[in-house]
Amino acid sequence: MTKLYNSSISNRNLRYSKETEKDLSNSTRKLASGSRINKASDDAAGLSIATNLNSQIRSKGQALRNANDGFSILQIMDGSLSELTNIVIRLRELSIGAASDTYDNTDRTLMNYEANHLLTEVDRIAKSTNYMNRDLFSGDDYKLDIQVDSGQGKKNRLTLDLTRQAQTTTALGISDVQVNTQHRARLALVKLDYALNELSKSRADIGAMENRLKSTIENLSVNIQNSESSHSKIKDVDYAKETATQVKAKLINHGQTMVRAQINESGKMYLKLLE
């Protein structure tokens, strides 16, 4: 009886059925996961390439976030520089007024009172403008390195030298500006012109770095998009193709089951003849 049920035809059918079930299982796994490669045996070379691409995509994604954070820092600095510029312009306006005989010493004393408060505000802004507990306008010997790509070399970083960004009244050369006399007001004009020039240089430096970061952000975004497209072509399953493969495997499996049933039924008929 055993030999009849395990004929060569039955064994062959059983082997084919196992292969078909394996194909059906792989196809179902791919459709369920959305990934063409779920294990190394699916495509060893493809898995290696896809892993490297995924590493690049995630690294560049973090670099993109770094660049956006760096751009935010520069915007903070530019905003503060804009206000410092407005203050120095107001100081110059006061100096122009105090330098004229159309005002007397009493008027100059009042102007000087405002000027002193403005100078105090310059120092306050310069010392309080910071990011993540790092002073941006203190003039400390510090460089702001922004990692803007996935590599290790200097070409993957943008650097802003904060040593040149000191904006205190001492650094700007206006700490002793006074407008309480006509002579002091006229001297103040020279110092305030120097301060305005330094502030303009700083804003130009910040603006140039902002433009570089804008280009970097755009480049990273395009690079990530293209890498994700390549990763998808390698790793993601083609649903139309895989669905067709699954349907084919199901049909074959169904046919093999019917053949196996017929073989078993034939075996039963032979046994009845022997009764």
Protein backbone atom coordinates (compact mmCIF):
# COMPACT_ATOMS: atom_id res chain seq x y z
CA MET A 1 0.00 0.00 0.00
CA THR A 2 2.81 2.34 0.88
CA LYS A 3 4.53 1.86 -2.45
CA LEU A 4 1.36 2.59 -4.34
CA TYR A 5 0.86 5.88 -2.50
CA ASN A 6 4.49 6.94 -2.89
CA SER A 7 5.07 6.20 -6.55
CA SER A 8 7.65 8.17 -8.52
CA ILE A 9 4.91 10.33 -9.99
CA SER A 10 3.58 11.17 -6.52
CA ASN A 11 7.07 11.99 -5.23
CA ARG A 12 7.77 14.20 -8.22
CA ASN A 13 4.47 16.00 -7.72
CA LEU A 14 5.23 16.47 -4.04
CA ARG A 15 8.67 17.95 -4.81
CA TYR A 16 7.22 20.37 -7.34
CA SER A 17 4.52 21.34 -4.86
CA LYS A 18 7.09 22.20 -2.21
CA GLU A 19 8.98 24.38 -4.68
CA THR A 20 5.77 26.13 -5.71
CA GLU A 21 4.79 26.70 -2.05
CA LYS A 22 8.23 28.16 -1.45
CA ASP A 23 7.81 30.54 -4.39
CA LEU A 24 4.33 31.44 -3.15
CA SER A 25 5.68 32.11 0.35
CA ASN A 26 8.49 34.34 -0.99
CA SER A 27 6.06 36.25 -3.18
CA THR A 28 3.64 36.78 -0.27
CA ARG A 29 6.51 37.98 1.95
CA LYS A 30 7.62 40.52 -0.65
CA LEU A 31 4.11 41.85 -1.16
CA ALA A 32 3.50 42.08 2.58
CA SER A 33 6.79 43.86 3.34
CA GLY A 34 6.86 45.99 0.19
CA SER A 35 10.50 45.01 -0.21
CA ARG A 36 12.00 42.91 -2.98
CA ILE A 37 14.94 41.96 -0.75
CA ASN A 38 13.99 40.64 2.68
CA LYS A 39 17.02 38.47 3.27
CA ALA A 40 20.50 38.19 1.80
CA SER A 41 19.61 35.14 -0.30
CA ASP A 42 17.01 37.18 -2.22
CA ASP A 43 19.76 39.32 -3.81
CA ALA A 44 23.09 39.50 -1.98
CA ALA A 45 24.65 42.11 -4.27
CA GLY A 46 21.48 44.18 -4.34
CA LEU A 47 21.22 44.08 -0.54
CA SER A 48 24.79 45.36 -0.18
CA ILE A 49 24.18 48.24 -2.60
CA ALA A 50 20.84 49.09 -0.99
CA THR A 51 22.41 49.09 2.50
CA ASN A 52 25.14 51.50 1.38
CA LEU A 53 22.58 53.74 -0.28
CA ASN A 54 20.42 53.72 2.84
CA SER A 55 23.44 54.71 4.93
CA GLN A 56 24.18 57.57 2.54
CA ILE A 57 20.56 58.72 2.51
CA ARG A 58 20.30 58.82 6.30
CA SER A 59 23.68 60.51 6.69
CA LYS A 60 22.84 63.15 4.12
CA GLY A 61 19.46 63.60 5.78
CA GLN A 62 21.22 64.49 9.03
CA ALA A 63 23.61 66.76 7.13
CA LEU A 64 20.56 68.51 5.66
CA ARG A 65 19.19 69.06 9.17
CA ASN A 66 22.61 70.40 10.20
CA ALA A 67 22.57 72.84 7.30
CA ASN A 68 19.08 74.04 8.18
CA ASP A 69 20.13 74.51 11.81
CA GLY A 70 23.19 76.42 10.65
CA PHE A 71 20.99 78.62 8.49
CA SER A 72 18.82 79.34 11.55
CA ILE A 73 21.91 80.40 13.50
CA LEU A 74 22.92 82.78 10.73
CA GLN A 75 19.42 84.25 10.68
CA ILE A 76 19.66 84.90 14.42
CA MET A 77 22.99 86.62 13.91
CA ASP A 78 21.74 88.66 10.97
CA GLY A 79 18.72 89.80 12.96
CA SER A 80 20.90 90.98 15.83
CA LEU A 81 23.32 92.70 13.47
CA SER A 82 20.41 94.51 11.87
CA GLU A 83 19.33 95.90 15.24
CA LEU A 84 22.91 96.81 16.21
CA THR A 85 23.19 98.71 12.94
CA ASN A 86 20.00 100.61 13.74
CA ILE A 87 21.36 101.53 17.16
CA VAL A 88 24.66 102.81 15.75
CA ILE A 89 22.77 104.82 13.13
CA ARG A 90 20.73 106.40 15.94
CA LEU A 91 23.95 107.17 17.83
CA ARG A 92 25.31 108.87 14.73
CA GLU A 93 22.09 110.83 14.42
CA LEU A 94 22.51 112.04 18.00
CA SER A 95 26.14 112.94 17.30
CA ILE A 96 25.15 114.98 14.25
CA GLY A 97 22.65 116.89 16.37
CA ALA A 98 25.06 117.46 19.24
CA ALA A 99 27.75 118.65 16.83
CA SER A 100 25.55 121.56 15.75
CA ASP A 101 25.26 124.93 17.50
CA THR A 102 21.52 124.70 17.03
CA TYR A 103 21.55 122.75 20.30
CA ASP A 104 22.94 123.91 23.63
CA ASN A 105 24.74 121.91 26.35
CA THR A 106 21.49 121.13 28.13
CA ASP A 107 20.19 119.49 24.97
CA ARG A 108 23.49 117.67 24.52
CA THR A 109 23.26 116.31 28.08
CA LEU A 110 19.88 114.78 27.29
CA MET A 111 21.21 113.39 24.02
CA ASN A 112 24.16 111.92 25.87
CA TYR A 113 21.79 110.25 28.31
CA GLU A 114 20.10 108.43 25.43
CA ALA A 115 23.47 107.65 23.85
CA ASN A 116 24.71 105.96 27.04
CA HIS A 117 21.62 103.76 27.16
CA LEU A 118 22.07 102.83 23.53
CA LEU A 119 25.69 101.85 24.13
CA THR A 120 24.56 99.68 27.04
CA GLU A 121 22.04 98.01 24.74
CA VAL A 122 24.75 97.30 22.16
CA ASP A 123 26.72 95.38 24.79
CA ARG A 124 23.61 93.61 26.04
CA ILE A 125 22.67 92.38 22.55
CA ALA A 126 26.26 91.37 21.78
CA LYS A 127 26.57 89.36 24.99
CA SER A 128 23.10 87.80 24.97
CA THR A 129 22.98 86.62 21.35
CA ASN A 130 23.76 82.93 21.61
CA TYR A 131 22.78 79.52 20.32
CA MET A 132 22.93 76.36 22.43
CA ASN A 133 24.85 78.26 25.14
CA ARG A 134 27.45 79.47 22.63
CA ASP A 135 28.01 83.21 22.44
CA LEU A 136 27.96 84.36 18.85
CA PHE A 137 29.15 87.96 19.22
CA SER A 138 31.56 87.75 22.14
CA GLY A 139 34.62 87.58 19.86
CA ASP A 140 35.98 84.44 21.53
CA ASP A 141 38.49 82.39 19.59
CA TYR A 142 35.92 79.98 18.26
CA LYS A 143 34.93 78.61 14.87
CA LEU A 144 31.43 77.38 14.08
CA ASP A 145 31.82 74.18 12.03
CA ILE A 146 28.68 72.95 10.28
CA GLN A 147 28.79 69.39 8.94
CA VAL A 148 26.93 69.65 5.63
CA ASP A 149 27.73 66.32 3.97
CA SER A 150 28.30 62.67 4.80
CA GLY A 151 32.11 62.58 4.48
CA GLN A 152 34.93 63.25 6.94
CA GLY A 153 37.08 65.82 5.14
CA LYS A 154 37.06 69.61 5.36
CA LYS A 155 35.13 69.78 2.09
CA ASN A 156 32.16 68.34 3.97
CA ARG A 157 32.04 71.23 6.45
CA LEU A 158 31.34 74.94 6.30
CA THR A 159 33.14 77.10 8.85
CA LEU A 160 32.19 80.50 10.24
CA ASP A 161 34.98 82.26 12.13
CA LEU A 162 33.25 83.86 15.14
CA THR A 163 36.48 85.62 16.13
CA ARG A 164 35.66 88.21 13.48
CA GLN A 165 32.11 88.60 14.76
CA ALA A 166 32.83 90.49 17.99
CA GLN A 167 30.17 93.20 18.27
CA THR A 168 30.64 94.70 21.75
CA THR A 169 31.16 98.45 22.09
CA THR A 170 34.84 97.78 22.76
CA ALA A 171 35.23 95.66 19.63
CA LEU A 172 33.39 98.28 17.57
CA GLY A 173 35.51 101.09 19.05
CA ILE A 174 32.57 103.08 20.43
CA SER A 175 32.74 102.27 24.15
CA ASP A 176 33.81 105.85 25.01
CA VAL A 177 31.44 107.68 22.66
CA GLN A 178 29.98 110.80 24.30
CA VAL A 179 27.86 113.59 22.83
CA ASN A 180 27.61 115.88 25.85
CA THR A 181 29.84 118.45 24.18
CA GLN A 182 30.16 119.65 20.61
CA HIS A 183 33.79 118.52 20.38
CA ARG A 184 33.04 115.02 21.68
CA ALA A 185 30.10 114.71 19.32
CA ARG A 186 32.32 115.49 16.33
CA LEU A 187 34.93 112.94 17.48
CA ALA A 188 32.16 110.38 17.94
CA LEU A 189 31.26 110.60 14.25
CA VAL A 190 34.60 109.08 13.22
CA LYS A 191 34.21 106.20 15.68
CA LEU A 192 30.60 105.55 14.71
CA ASP A 193 31.51 105.48 11.01
CA TYR A 194 34.12 102.84 11.82
CA ALA A 195 31.52 100.85 13.79
CA LEU A 196 29.03 101.01 10.91
CA ASN A 197 31.69 99.79 8.52
CA GLU A 198 32.52 96.84 10.80
CA LEU A 199 28.86 95.94 11.16
CA SER A 200 28.44 96.05 7.39
CA LYS A 201 31.40 93.70 6.96
CA SER A 202 29.90 91.29 9.47
CA ARG A 203 26.52 91.34 7.77
CA ALA A 204 28.17 90.76 4.39
CA ASP A 205 30.06 87.80 5.86
CA ILE A 206 26.87 86.35 7.36
CA GLY A 207 24.93 86.97 4.14
CA ALA A 208 27.55 85.20 2.04
CA MET A 209 27.44 82.20 4.38
CA GLU A 210 23.63 82.17 4.21
CA ASN A 211 23.80 82.02 0.42
CA ARG A 212 26.29 79.15 0.61
CA LEU A 213 24.01 77.25 2.97
CA LYS A 214 21.02 77.84 0.70
CA SER A 215 22.94 76.25 -2.18
CA THR A 216 24.11 73.43 0.09
CA ILE A 217 20.56 72.73 1.29
CA GLU A 218 19.27 72.64 -2.27
CA ASN A 219 22.08 70.33 -3.39
CA LEU A 220 21.55 67.97 -0.46
CA SER A 221 17.81 67.83 -1.10
CA VAL A 222 18.33 66.87 -4.75
CA ASN A 223 21.04 64.36 -3.82
CA ILE A 224 18.81 62.69 -1.22
CA GLN A 225 15.89 62.55 -3.65
CA ASN A 226 18.01 60.86 -6.34
CA SER A 227 19.54 58.42 -3.84
CA GLU A 228 16.10 57.48 -2.53
CA SER A 229 14.96 56.83 -6.10
CA SER A 230 17.95 54.55 -6.71
CA HIS A 231 17.38 52.76 -3.40
CA SER A 232 13.72 52.23 -4.27
CA LYS A 233 14.55 50.71 -7.67
CA ILE A 234 16.88 48.20 -6.00
CA LYS A 235 15.03 47.39 -2.78
CA ASP A 236 11.31 48.01 -3.31
CA VAL A 237 9.08 45.35 -4.79
CA ASP A 238 7.38 45.77 -8.16
CA TYR A 239 3.80 45.15 -7.03
CA ALA A 240 2.42 44.50 -10.52
CA LYS A 241 5.09 41.96 -11.36
CA GLU A 242 5.06 40.29 -7.94
CA THR A 243 1.26 40.08 -7.90
CA ALA A 244 1.38 38.32 -11.26
CA THR A 245 4.03 35.96 -9.89
CA GLN A 246 1.87 35.19 -6.86
CA VAL A 247 -1.24 34.50 -8.97
CA LYS A 248 0.81 32.18 -11.21
CA ALA A 249 2.17 30.32 -8.16
CA LYS A 250 -1.34 29.96 -6.72
CA LEU A 251 -2.65 28.51 -9.99
CA ILE A 252 0.22 26.08 -10.25
CA ASN A 253 -0.18 25.09 -6.60
CA HIS A 254 -3.90 24.51 -7.15
CA GLY A 255 -3.19 22.32 -10.18
CA GLN A 256 -0.55 20.33 -8.30
CA THR A 257 -3.01 19.73 -5.48
CA MET A 258 -5.58 18.40 -7.95
CA VAL A 259 -2.99 16.11 -9.57
CA ARG A 260 -1.93 14.81 -6.14
CA ALA A 261 -5.56 14.08 -5.30
CA GLN A 262 -6.00 12.16 -8.56
CA ILE A 263 -2.87 10.10 -7.86
CA ASN A 264 -4.16 9.23 -4.42
CA GLU A 265 -7.58 8.35 -5.83
CA SER A 266 -5.96 6.07 -8.41
CA GLY A 267 -4.09 4.32 -5.64
CA LYS A 268 -7.34 3.64 -3.82
CA MET A 269 -8.84 2.14 -6.96
CA TYR A 270 -5.91 -0.26 -7.32
CA LEU A 271 -6.33 -1.33 -3.69
CA LYS A 272 -9.99 -2.13 -4.28
CA LEU A 273 -9.02 -4.46 -7.14
CA LEU A 274 -6.84 -6.39 -4.70
CA GLU A 275 -9.60 -6.90 -2.13
